[in-house]
């Protein structure tokens, strides 16, 4: 039996693309999602609630503490909840997509190979920073279809990594990118031990490695989505960090077209259709059984049907 891969994330007001993000990752091999909701005011909670009833998501709510750093406490809680429920856990954000750069879109062959070595406790995947594709306003379509232009591999922002870890081997997270291990090796996709960036320290590498896999980071999306979404949400890891004009200009890189994630659009749609089928089945069960289910579940089903 292969290694069970799960995803961990903290989210806030991600209803517009949350289903796509979950469906995409299910299509590349992720089985379960551990999600902390950070005071969402849109339909995010309703979506998570419905998916939790289907065993796809395990979620909880977390408030923003006085220092503004909800991410690290969320990661600590997820580590506790995930132990014994998955073999390896990828800590990513809702605008980040785990992507195989090989012919097989599944990321599981790499995960199985890397973690077949018992001394490996963590895998770091470098970013691939995607820009706005020149879109000022939001358009219909999935993120992986609308944004297909990215920075070149040697773009300095791509030195950041996101981590896939054995939960039981992590003491805590040093920052959103890097885990402090109890023991074991921290490697890249070539199996080489990761060395902290000479200038910026842990969480960044000295060289961008896209061999076999990476994390597509849709850092800006359209200008409208950036202003109304990421900029307004702020940072979950640092209260003082403002993501506005400077951030957008730095990350809005559209140098090279890349269709690797675009190529998984059909598989992602199939997963979305499966979620809709689950919804229809759940709705029918409720009607036929006459059960007195909570209003929150009824609202979740209604909301998801509208989105799908």
C-alpha atoms as a PDB file:
ATOM      1  CA  UNK A   1       0.000   0.000   0.000  1.00  0.00           C
ATOM      2  CA  UNK A   2       1.277   3.462  -0.881  1.00  0.00           C
ATOM      3  CA  UNK A   3       1.848   6.402   1.407  1.00  0.00           C
ATOM      4  CA  UNK A   4      -1.249   8.390   2.398  1.00  0.00           C
ATOM      5  CA  UNK A   5      -0.783  12.039   1.446  1.00  0.00           C
ATOM      6  CA  UNK A   6      -2.898  14.735   3.090  1.00  0.00           C
ATOM      7  CA  UNK A   7      -2.938  18.528   2.856  1.00  0.00           C
ATOM      8  CA  UNK A   8      -2.946  21.081   5.671  1.00  0.00           C
ATOM      9  CA  UNK A   9      -3.927  24.734   5.301  1.00  0.00           C
ATOM     10  CA  UNK A  10      -5.279  27.799   7.040  1.00  0.00           C
ATOM     11  CA  UNK A  11      -7.918  29.620   4.986  1.00  0.00           C
ATOM     12  CA  UNK A  12      -9.924  32.815   5.116  1.00  0.00           C
ATOM     13  CA  UNK A  13     -12.670  33.775   2.652  1.00  0.00           C
ATOM     14  CA  UNK A  14     -11.587  31.359  -0.070  1.00  0.00           C
ATOM     15  CA  UNK A  15     -15.051  30.250  -1.231  1.00  0.00           C
ATOM     16  CA  UNK A  16     -14.506  31.325  -4.846  1.00  0.00           C
ATOM     17  CA  UNK A  17     -11.720  28.825  -5.514  1.00  0.00           C
ATOM     18  CA  UNK A  18     -11.786  26.409  -2.560  1.00  0.00           C
ATOM     19  CA  UNK A  19     -13.659  23.665  -4.422  1.00  0.00           C
ATOM     20  CA  UNK A  20     -11.270  23.872  -7.356  1.00  0.00           C
ATOM     21  CA  UNK A  21      -8.269  23.726  -5.011  1.00  0.00           C
ATOM     22  CA  UNK A  22      -9.615  20.658  -3.194  1.00  0.00           C
ATOM     23  CA  UNK A  23     -10.663  18.958  -6.431  1.00  0.00           C
ATOM     24  CA  UNK A  24      -7.309  19.629  -8.068  1.00  0.00           C
ATOM     25  CA  UNK A  25      -5.435  18.069  -5.187  1.00  0.00           C
ATOM     26  CA  UNK A  26      -7.752  15.072  -5.046  1.00  0.00           C
ATOM     27  CA  UNK A  27      -6.978  14.525  -8.738  1.00  0.00           C
ATOM     28  CA  UNK A  28      -3.215  14.420  -8.092  1.00  0.00           C
ATOM     29  CA  UNK A  29      -3.362  12.025  -5.142  1.00  0.00           C
ATOM     30  CA  UNK A  30      -4.333  13.873  -1.954  1.00  0.00           C
ATOM     31  CA  UNK A  31      -6.812  11.956   0.206  1.00  0.00           C
ATOM     32  CA  UNK A  32      -7.772  14.151   3.165  1.00  0.00           C
ATOM     33  CA  UNK A  33      -7.593  17.863   3.994  1.00  0.00           C
ATOM     34  CA  UNK A  34      -6.948  19.308   7.457  1.00  0.00           C
ATOM     35  CA  UNK A  35      -8.091  22.912   7.359  1.00  0.00           C
ATOM     36  CA  UNK A  36      -8.170  25.722   9.898  1.00  0.00           C
ATOM     37  CA  UNK A  37     -10.684  28.447   9.099  1.00  0.00           C
ATOM     38  CA  UNK A  38      -9.535  31.887  10.196  1.00  0.00           C
ATOM     39  CA  UNK A  39     -12.738  33.892  10.697  1.00  0.00           C
ATOM     40  CA  UNK A  40     -14.163  33.543   7.185  1.00  0.00           C
ATOM     41  CA  UNK A  41     -17.252  35.640   6.426  1.00  0.00           C
ATOM     42  CA  UNK A  42     -18.096  34.165   3.005  1.00  0.00           C
ATOM     43  CA  UNK A  43     -19.295  30.635   2.161  1.00  0.00           C
ATOM     44  CA  UNK A  44     -15.990  28.984   3.136  1.00  0.00           C
ATOM     45  CA  UNK A  45     -17.363  27.499   6.370  1.00  0.00           C
ATOM     46  CA  UNK A  46     -20.422  26.119   4.590  1.00  0.00           C
ATOM     47  CA  UNK A  47     -18.226  24.395   2.022  1.00  0.00           C
ATOM     48  CA  UNK A  48     -15.950  22.931   4.683  1.00  0.00           C
ATOM     49  CA  UNK A  49     -18.920  21.803   6.735  1.00  0.00           C
ATOM     50  CA  UNK A  50     -20.463  19.837   3.883  1.00  0.00           C
ATOM     51  CA  UNK A  51     -17.173  18.264   2.857  1.00  0.00           C
ATOM     52  CA  UNK A  52     -16.477  17.276   6.455  1.00  0.00           C
ATOM     53  CA  UNK A  53     -19.690  15.228   6.474  1.00  0.00           C
ATOM     54  CA  UNK A  54     -18.293  13.302   3.512  1.00  0.00           C
ATOM     55  CA  UNK A  55     -14.969  12.615   5.234  1.00  0.00           C
ATOM     56  CA  UNK A  56     -13.037  14.702   2.722  1.00  0.00           C
ATOM     57  CA  UNK A  57     -12.175  17.538   5.102  1.00  0.00           C
ATOM     58  CA  UNK A  58     -11.469  17.792   8.811  1.00  0.00           C
ATOM     59  CA  UNK A  59     -11.720  21.408   9.871  1.00  0.00           C
ATOM     60  CA  UNK A  60     -11.814  23.680  12.887  1.00  0.00           C
ATOM     61  CA  UNK A  61     -12.028  27.412  13.490  1.00  0.00           C
ATOM     62  CA  UNK A  62      -9.206  29.553  14.778  1.00  0.00           C
ATOM     63  CA  UNK A  63      -9.397  33.194  15.840  1.00  0.00           C
ATOM     64  CA  UNK A  64      -6.739  35.751  15.044  1.00  0.00           C
ATOM     65  CA  UNK A  65      -4.594  36.314  18.163  1.00  0.00           C
ATOM     66  CA  UNK A  66      -3.416  39.737  19.275  1.00  0.00           C
ATOM     67  CA  UNK A  67      -0.078  39.365  17.484  1.00  0.00           C
ATOM     68  CA  UNK A  68      -1.884  38.606  14.213  1.00  0.00           C
ATOM     69  CA  UNK A  69      -0.163  35.230  13.765  1.00  0.00           C
ATOM     70  CA  UNK A  70      -2.926  32.651  13.422  1.00  0.00           C
ATOM     71  CA  UNK A  71      -0.913  30.456  11.071  1.00  0.00           C
ATOM     72  CA  UNK A  72       1.570  28.954  13.506  1.00  0.00           C
ATOM     73  CA  UNK A  73      -1.060  28.020  16.147  1.00  0.00           C
ATOM     74  CA  UNK A  74      -3.188  26.563  13.334  1.00  0.00           C
ATOM     75  CA  UNK A  75      -0.276  24.455  12.115  1.00  0.00           C
ATOM     76  CA  UNK A  76       0.392  23.191  15.648  1.00  0.00           C
ATOM     77  CA  UNK A  77      -3.224  22.116  16.051  1.00  0.00           C
ATOM     78  CA  UNK A  78      -3.271  20.434  12.635  1.00  0.00           C
ATOM     79  CA  UNK A  79      -0.144  18.470  13.506  1.00  0.00           C
ATOM     80  CA  UNK A  80      -1.907  17.102  16.594  1.00  0.00           C
ATOM     81  CA  UNK A  81      -5.050  16.207  14.671  1.00  0.00           C
ATOM     82  CA  UNK A  82      -3.227  14.593  11.751  1.00  0.00           C
ATOM     83  CA  UNK A  83      -1.011  12.219  13.702  1.00  0.00           C
ATOM     84  CA  UNK A  84      -2.060   8.660  13.036  1.00  0.00           C
ATOM     85  CA  UNK A  85      -4.437   9.742  10.264  1.00  0.00           C
ATOM     86  CA  UNK A  86      -1.949  10.276   7.449  1.00  0.00           C
ATOM     87  CA  UNK A  87       1.598   9.318   6.582  1.00  0.00           C
ATOM     88  CA  UNK A  88       2.763  12.658   5.197  1.00  0.00           C
ATOM     89  CA  UNK A  89       1.181  16.091   5.337  1.00  0.00           C
ATOM     90  CA  UNK A  90       1.712  18.976   2.885  1.00  0.00           C
ATOM     91  CA  UNK A  91       1.445  22.436   4.468  1.00  0.00           C
ATOM     92  CA  UNK A  92       0.337  24.824   1.729  1.00  0.00           C
ATOM     93  CA  UNK A  93      -1.968  27.808   1.213  1.00  0.00           C
ATOM     94  CA  UNK A  94      -5.199  27.990  -0.777  1.00  0.00           C
ATOM     95  CA  UNK A  95      -3.418  29.776  -3.631  1.00  0.00           C
ATOM     96  CA  UNK A  96      -0.765  27.054  -3.866  1.00  0.00           C
ATOM     97  CA  UNK A  97      -1.082  23.871  -5.908  1.00  0.00           C
ATOM     98  CA  UNK A  98       1.127  20.786  -5.595  1.00  0.00           C
ATOM     99  CA  UNK A  99       2.246  19.997  -9.125  1.00  0.00           C
ATOM    100  CA  UNK A 100       4.117  17.115 -10.676  1.00  0.00           C
ATOM    101  CA  UNK A 101       6.421  18.286 -13.460  1.00  0.00           C
ATOM    102  CA  UNK A 102       6.543  14.773 -14.902  1.00  0.00           C
ATOM    103  CA  UNK A 103       4.256  13.174 -17.485  1.00  0.00           C
ATOM    104  CA  UNK A 104       2.178  11.531 -14.753  1.00  0.00           C
ATOM    105  CA  UNK A 105       0.088  14.288 -13.084  1.00  0.00           C
ATOM    106  CA  UNK A 106      -0.032  12.344  -9.804  1.00  0.00           C
ATOM    107  CA  UNK A 107       2.453  13.499  -7.207  1.00  0.00           C
ATOM    108  CA  UNK A 108       2.258  10.152  -5.405  1.00  0.00           C
ATOM    109  CA  UNK A 109       5.100   8.376  -7.266  1.00  0.00           C
ATOM    110  CA  UNK A 110       7.509  11.053  -6.030  1.00  0.00           C
ATOM    111  CA  UNK A 111       6.059  11.016  -2.503  1.00  0.00           C
ATOM    112  CA  UNK A 112       6.299   7.229  -2.299  1.00  0.00           C
ATOM    113  CA  UNK A 113       9.884   7.249  -3.539  1.00  0.00           C
ATOM    114  CA  UNK A 114      11.148  10.075  -1.311  1.00  0.00           C
ATOM    115  CA  UNK A 115       9.474   8.845   1.874  1.00  0.00           C
ATOM    116  CA  UNK A 116      10.339   5.181   1.273  1.00  0.00           C
ATOM    117  CA  UNK A 117      13.603   6.154   2.941  1.00  0.00           C
ATOM    118  CA  UNK A 118      12.812   6.013   6.651  1.00  0.00           C
ATOM    119  CA  UNK A 119      15.412   8.652   7.517  1.00  0.00           C
ATOM    120  CA  UNK A 120      13.596  11.303   5.446  1.00  0.00           C
ATOM    121  CA  UNK A 121      11.197  13.308   7.609  1.00  0.00           C
ATOM    122  CA  UNK A 122      10.437  16.266   5.328  1.00  0.00           C
ATOM    123  CA  UNK A 123      10.392  17.231   1.651  1.00  0.00           C
ATOM    124  CA  UNK A 124      10.701  20.840   0.507  1.00  0.00           C
ATOM    125  CA  UNK A 125       9.128  21.926  -2.794  1.00  0.00           C
ATOM    126  CA  UNK A 126      10.117  25.225  -4.364  1.00  0.00           C
ATOM    127  CA  UNK A 127       7.577  27.782  -5.565  1.00  0.00           C
ATOM    128  CA  UNK A 128       6.723  28.641  -9.146  1.00  0.00           C
ATOM    129  CA  UNK A 129       5.337  32.184  -8.992  1.00  0.00           C
ATOM    130  CA  UNK A 130       2.411  32.906 -11.346  1.00  0.00           C
ATOM    131  CA  UNK A 131       1.198  36.392 -12.230  1.00  0.00           C
ATOM    132  CA  UNK A 132      -2.076  37.968 -13.362  1.00  0.00           C
ATOM    133  CA  UNK A 133      -1.850  37.030 -17.069  1.00  0.00           C
ATOM    134  CA  UNK A 134      -2.546  40.722 -17.573  1.00  0.00           C
ATOM    135  CA  UNK A 135      -6.105  40.370 -16.207  1.00  0.00           C
ATOM    136  CA  UNK A 136      -7.392  43.433 -14.406  1.00  0.00           C
ATOM    137  CA  UNK A 137     -10.713  41.853 -13.461  1.00  0.00           C
ATOM    138  CA  UNK A 138     -11.894  38.432 -12.397  1.00  0.00           C
ATOM    139  CA  UNK A 139     -13.179  36.157 -15.152  1.00  0.00           C
ATOM    140  CA  UNK A 140     -15.069  32.896 -15.349  1.00  0.00           C
ATOM    141  CA  UNK A 141     -13.005  29.728 -15.265  1.00  0.00           C
ATOM    142  CA  UNK A 142     -10.714  27.921 -12.894  1.00  0.00           C
ATOM    143  CA  UNK A 143      -7.515  29.413 -11.497  1.00  0.00           C
ATOM    144  CA  UNK A 144      -5.394  26.816 -13.302  1.00  0.00           C
ATOM    145  CA  UNK A 145      -7.017  27.814 -16.603  1.00  0.00           C
ATOM    146  CA  UNK A 146      -6.978  31.579 -16.218  1.00  0.00           C
ATOM    147  CA  UNK A 147      -3.423  32.018 -14.987  1.00  0.00           C
ATOM    148  CA  UNK A 148      -0.856  30.284 -17.152  1.00  0.00           C
ATOM    149  CA  UNK A 149       2.038  32.746 -17.131  1.00  0.00           C
ATOM    150  CA  UNK A 150       4.774  32.687 -14.529  1.00  0.00           C
ATOM    151  CA  UNK A 151       8.175  34.031 -13.573  1.00  0.00           C
ATOM    152  CA  UNK A 152      11.277  32.202 -14.811  1.00  0.00           C
ATOM    153  CA  UNK A 153      12.680  29.455 -12.609  1.00  0.00           C
ATOM    154  CA  UNK A 154      15.535  31.645 -11.344  1.00  0.00           C
ATOM    155  CA  UNK A 155      13.151  34.350 -10.017  1.00  0.00           C
ATOM    156  CA  UNK A 156      14.311  34.971  -6.451  1.00  0.00           C
ATOM    157  CA  UNK A 157      10.829  34.556  -4.918  1.00  0.00           C
ATOM    158  CA  UNK A 158      10.847  30.952  -6.158  1.00  0.00           C
ATOM    159  CA  UNK A 159      13.565  30.171  -3.608  1.00  0.00           C
ATOM    160  CA  UNK A 160      10.763  29.784  -1.049  1.00  0.00           C
ATOM    161  CA  UNK A 161       9.711  26.223  -0.264  1.00  0.00           C
ATOM    162  CA  UNK A 162       6.599  24.600   1.110  1.00  0.00           C
ATOM    163  CA  UNK A 163       6.983  21.478   3.198  1.00  0.00           C
ATOM    164  CA  UNK A 164       5.586  17.954   3.123  1.00  0.00           C
ATOM    165  CA  UNK A 165       6.321  16.300   6.458  1.00  0.00           C
ATOM    166  CA  UNK A 166       5.834  13.218   8.578  1.00  0.00           C
ATOM    167  CA  UNK A 167       3.592  14.768  11.290  1.00  0.00           C
ATOM    168  CA  UNK A 168       5.083  12.741  14.126  1.00  0.00           C
ATOM    169  CA  UNK A 169       8.585  13.973  13.245  1.00  0.00           C
ATOM    170  CA  UNK A 170       7.790  17.697  13.542  1.00  0.00           C
ATOM    171  CA  UNK A 171       8.380  19.635  16.749  1.00  0.00           C
ATOM    172  CA  UNK A 172       6.880  22.862  15.411  1.00  0.00           C
ATOM    173  CA  UNK A 173       7.007  25.197  12.437  1.00  0.00           C
ATOM    174  CA  UNK A 174       9.736  27.830  12.401  1.00  0.00           C
ATOM    175  CA  UNK A 175       7.751  29.790   9.812  1.00  0.00           C
ATOM    176  CA  UNK A 176       5.014  28.889   7.281  1.00  0.00           C
ATOM    177  CA  UNK A 177       7.651  27.413   4.971  1.00  0.00           C
ATOM    178  CA  UNK A 178       9.904  25.391   7.250  1.00  0.00           C
ATOM    179  CA  UNK A 179       9.349  22.799   9.977  1.00  0.00           C
ATOM    180  CA  UNK A 180      11.668  22.090  12.888  1.00  0.00           C
ATOM    181  CA  UNK A 181      12.190  18.343  12.917  1.00  0.00           C
ATOM    182  CA  UNK A 182      12.657  16.091  15.932  1.00  0.00           C
ATOM    183  CA  UNK A 183      14.912  13.949  13.783  1.00  0.00           C
ATOM    184  CA  UNK A 184      15.443  12.936  10.182  1.00  0.00           C
ATOM    185  CA  UNK A 185      16.473  14.526   6.916  1.00  0.00           C
ATOM    186  CA  UNK A 186      14.923  17.505   5.105  1.00  0.00           C
ATOM    187  CA  UNK A 187      15.379  16.925   1.371  1.00  0.00           C
ATOM    188  CA  UNK A 188      14.460  18.396  -1.996  1.00  0.00           C
ATOM    189  CA  UNK A 189      12.961  16.446  -4.890  1.00  0.00           C
ATOM    190  CA  UNK A 190      16.371  15.121  -5.946  1.00  0.00           C
ATOM    191  CA  UNK A 191      16.843  13.581  -2.489  1.00  0.00           C
ATOM    192  CA  UNK A 192      19.522  16.132  -1.627  1.00  0.00           C
ATOM    193  CA  UNK A 193      19.544  17.589   1.882  1.00  0.00           C
ATOM    194  CA  UNK A 194      18.184  21.137   1.955  1.00  0.00           C
ATOM    195  CA  UNK A 195      20.564  23.837   3.149  1.00  0.00           C
ATOM    196  CA  UNK A 196      19.059  27.087   4.473  1.00  0.00           C
ATOM    197  CA  UNK A 197      19.401  30.126   2.252  1.00  0.00           C
ATOM    198  CA  UNK A 198      22.655  31.919   3.015  1.00  0.00           C
ATOM    199  CA  UNK A 199      20.966  35.314   3.216  1.00  0.00           C
ATOM    200  CA  UNK A 200      17.376  34.663   4.316  1.00  0.00           C
ATOM    201  CA  UNK A 201      17.689  31.494   6.379  1.00  0.00           C
ATOM    202  CA  UNK A 202      15.269  28.576   6.789  1.00  0.00           C
ATOM    203  CA  UNK A 203      12.307  28.353   4.451  1.00  0.00           C
ATOM    204  CA  UNK A 204      14.278  29.396   1.382  1.00  0.00           C
ATOM    205  CA  UNK A 205      16.826  27.419  -0.583  1.00  0.00           C
ATOM    206  CA  UNK A 206      19.970  28.561  -2.369  1.00  0.00           C
ATOM    207  CA  UNK A 207      18.788  27.131  -5.681  1.00  0.00           C
ATOM    208  CA  UNK A 208      15.325  26.673  -7.207  1.00  0.00           C
ATOM    209  CA  UNK A 209      14.651  22.983  -7.845  1.00  0.00           C
ATOM    210  CA  UNK A 210      11.700  22.041 -10.067  1.00  0.00           C
ATOM    211  CA  UNK A 211      12.864  18.477 -10.678  1.00  0.00           C
ATOM    212  CA  UNK A 212       9.790  16.189 -10.657  1.00  0.00           C
ATOM    213  CA  UNK A 213       7.561  18.527  -8.623  1.00  0.00           C
ATOM    214  CA  UNK A 214       7.025  22.058  -7.344  1.00  0.00           C
ATOM    215  CA  UNK A 215       4.329  24.292  -5.830  1.00  0.00           C
ATOM    216  CA  UNK A 216       2.491  26.554  -8.276  1.00  0.00           C
ATOM    217  CA  UNK A 217       1.897  29.769  -6.345  1.00  0.00           C
ATOM    218  CA  UNK A 218      -0.889  31.902  -7.812  1.00  0.00           C
ATOM    219  CA  UNK A 219       0.317  34.887  -5.867  1.00  0.00           C
ATOM    220  CA  UNK A 220      -1.740  37.663  -7.433  1.00  0.00           C
ATOM    221  CA  UNK A 221      -4.488  36.286  -9.686  1.00  0.00           C
ATOM    222  CA  UNK A 222      -6.236  39.270 -11.344  1.00  0.00           C
ATOM    223  CA  UNK A 223      -5.829  42.765  -9.929  1.00  0.00           C
ATOM    224  CA  UNK A 224      -9.464  42.725  -8.805  1.00  0.00           C
ATOM    225  CA  UNK A 225      -9.044  39.402  -6.989  1.00  0.00           C
ATOM    226  CA  UNK A 226      -5.843  40.605  -5.391  1.00  0.00           C
ATOM    227  CA  UNK A 227      -7.346  43.848  -4.064  1.00  0.00           C
ATOM    228  CA  UNK A 228     -10.597  42.286  -2.864  1.00  0.00           C
ATOM    229  CA  UNK A 229      -8.992  39.048  -1.705  1.00  0.00           C
ATOM    230  CA  UNK A 230      -5.357  38.713  -0.668  1.00  0.00           C
ATOM    231  CA  UNK A 231      -4.772  42.405   0.073  1.00  0.00           C
ATOM    232  CA  UNK A 232      -7.929  42.707   2.161  1.00  0.00           C
ATOM    233  CA  UNK A 233      -7.340  39.423   4.037  1.00  0.00           C
ATOM    234  CA  UNK A 234      -3.834  40.417   5.065  1.00  0.00           C
ATOM    235  CA  UNK A 235      -1.247  37.962   6.315  1.00  0.00           C
ATOM    236  CA  UNK A 236      -2.107  35.027   8.586  1.00  0.00           C
ATOM    237  CA  UNK A 237       1.481  34.881   9.825  1.00  0.00           C
ATOM    238  CA  UNK A 238       2.392  38.495  10.505  1.00  0.00           C
ATOM    239  CA  UNK A 239       0.063  41.302  11.586  1.00  0.00           C
ATOM    240  CA  UNK A 240       2.354  44.049  10.287  1.00  0.00           C
ATOM    241  CA  UNK A 241       2.728  42.585   6.807  1.00  0.00           C
ATOM    242  CA  UNK A 242       0.728  44.531   4.208  1.00  0.00           C
ATOM    243  CA  UNK A 243       0.182  42.942   0.806  1.00  0.00           C
ATOM    244  CA  UNK A 244      -0.729  45.802  -1.483  1.00  0.00           C
ATOM    245  CA  UNK A 245       0.818  47.629  -4.443  1.00  0.00           C
ATOM    246  CA  UNK A 246       4.447  46.677  -3.794  1.00  0.00           C
ATOM    247  CA  UNK A 247       3.572  42.996  -3.327  1.00  0.00           C
ATOM    248  CA  UNK A 248       1.438  42.913  -6.470  1.00  0.00           C
ATOM    249  CA  UNK A 249       4.070  44.601  -8.603  1.00  0.00           C
ATOM    250  CA  UNK A 250       6.798  42.287  -7.327  1.00  0.00           C
ATOM    251  CA  UNK A 251       4.828  39.090  -7.846  1.00  0.00           C
ATOM    252  CA  UNK A 252       2.931  39.946 -11.039  1.00  0.00           C
ATOM    253  CA  UNK A 253       5.395  38.161 -13.296  1.00  0.00           C
ATOM    254  CA  UNK A 254       4.130  36.837 -16.610  1.00  0.00           C
ATOM    255  CA  UNK A 255       7.418  36.082 -18.354  1.00  0.00           C
ATOM    256  CA  UNK A 256       6.804  32.518 -19.504  1.00  0.00           C
ATOM    257  CA  UNK A 257       3.699  30.510 -20.362  1.00  0.00           C
ATOM    258  CA  UNK A 258       3.314  27.179 -18.578  1.00  0.00           C
ATOM    259  CA  UNK A 259       0.391  24.808 -19.209  1.00  0.00           C
ATOM    260  CA  UNK A 260       1.298  21.974 -16.827  1.00  0.00           C
ATOM    261  CA  UNK A 261      -1.498  22.731 -14.338  1.00  0.00           C
ATOM    262  CA  UNK A 262      -3.844  23.697 -17.175  1.00  0.00           C
ATOM    263  CA  UNK A 263      -3.423  20.142 -18.401  1.00  0.00           C
ATOM    264  CA  UNK A 264      -5.123  18.854 -15.229  1.00  0.00           C
ATOM    265  CA  UNK A 265      -8.233  20.992 -15.761  1.00  0.00           C
ATOM    266  CA  UNK A 266     -10.374  18.128 -17.073  1.00  0.00           C
ATOM    267  CA  UNK A 267      -9.429  15.853 -14.177  1.00  0.00           C
ATOM    268  CA  UNK A 268     -10.180  18.695 -11.766  1.00  0.00           C
ATOM    269  CA  UNK A 269     -13.617  19.183 -13.323  1.00  0.00           C
ATOM    270  CA  UNK A 270     -14.290  15.475 -12.927  1.00  0.00           C
ATOM    271  CA  UNK A 271     -13.536  15.751  -9.228  1.00  0.00           C
ATOM    272  CA  UNK A 272     -15.820  18.788  -8.937  1.00  0.00           C
ATOM    273  CA  UNK A 273     -18.561  16.730 -10.624  1.00  0.00           C
ATOM    274  CA  UNK A 274     -18.012  13.971  -8.058  1.00  0.00           C
ATOM    275  CA  UNK A 275     -18.515  16.516  -5.281  1.00  0.00           C
ATOM    276  CA  UNK A 276     -21.760  17.617  -6.919  1.00  0.00           C
ATOM    277  CA  UNK A 277     -22.876  13.989  -7.072  1.00  0.00           C
ATOM    278  CA  UNK A 278     -22.155  13.629  -3.361  1.00  0.00           C
ATOM    279  CA  UNK A 279     -24.239  16.732  -2.720  1.00  0.00           C
ATOM    280  CA  UNK A 280     -27.166  15.437  -4.731  1.00  0.00           C
ATOM    281  CA  UNK A 281     -26.988  12.108  -2.901  1.00  0.00           C
ATOM    282  CA  UNK A 282     -26.822  13.822   0.491  1.00  0.00           C
ATOM    283  CA  UNK A 283     -29.782  16.020  -0.419  1.00  0.00           C
ATOM    284  CA  UNK A 284     -31.829  12.985  -1.495  1.00  0.00           C
ATOM    285  CA  UNK A 285     -30.949  11.101   1.706  1.00  0.00           C
ATOM    286  CA  UNK A 286     -32.130  14.013   3.809  1.00  0.00           C
ATOM    287  CA  UNK A 287     -35.436  14.286   1.940  1.00  0.00           C
ATOM    288  CA  UNK A 288     -36.126  10.530   2.014  1.00  0.00           C
ATOM    289  CA  UNK A 289     -35.162   9.998   5.636  1.00  0.00           C
ATOM    290  CA  UNK A 290     -37.044  12.973   7.028  1.00  0.00           C
ATOM    291  CA  UNK A 291     -34.141  13.463   9.453  1.00  0.00           C
ATOM    292  CA  UNK A 292     -33.954  16.681  11.384  1.00  0.00           C
ATOM    293  CA  UNK A 293     -30.520  17.760  10.170  1.00  0.00           C
ATOM    294  CA  UNK A 294     -29.061  21.053  11.254  1.00  0.00           C
ATOM    295  CA  UNK A 295     -29.765  24.231   9.333  1.00  0.00           C
ATOM    296  CA  UNK A 296     -26.018  24.673   8.840  1.00  0.00           C
ATOM    297  CA  UNK A 297     -25.823  21.467   6.771  1.00  0.00           C
ATOM    298  CA  UNK A 298     -28.876  22.406   4.691  1.00  0.00           C
ATOM    299  CA  UNK A 299     -27.360  25.815   4.016  1.00  0.00           C
ATOM    300  CA  UNK A 300     -24.015  24.227   3.127  1.00  0.00           C
ATOM    301  CA  UNK A 301     -25.660  21.955   0.565  1.00  0.00           C
ATOM    302  CA  UNK A 302     -27.637  24.845  -0.925  1.00  0.00           C
ATOM    303  CA  UNK A 303     -24.544  27.052  -1.136  1.00  0.00           C
ATOM    304  CA  UNK A 304     -22.390  24.388  -2.744  1.00  0.00           C
ATOM    305  CA  UNK A 305     -25.021  23.566  -5.362  1.00  0.00           C
ATOM    306  CA  UNK A 306     -25.118  27.221  -6.388  1.00  0.00           C
ATOM    307  CA  UNK A 307     -21.320  27.342  -6.679  1.00  0.00           C
ATOM    308  CA  UNK A 308     -21.097  24.082  -8.624  1.00  0.00           C
END
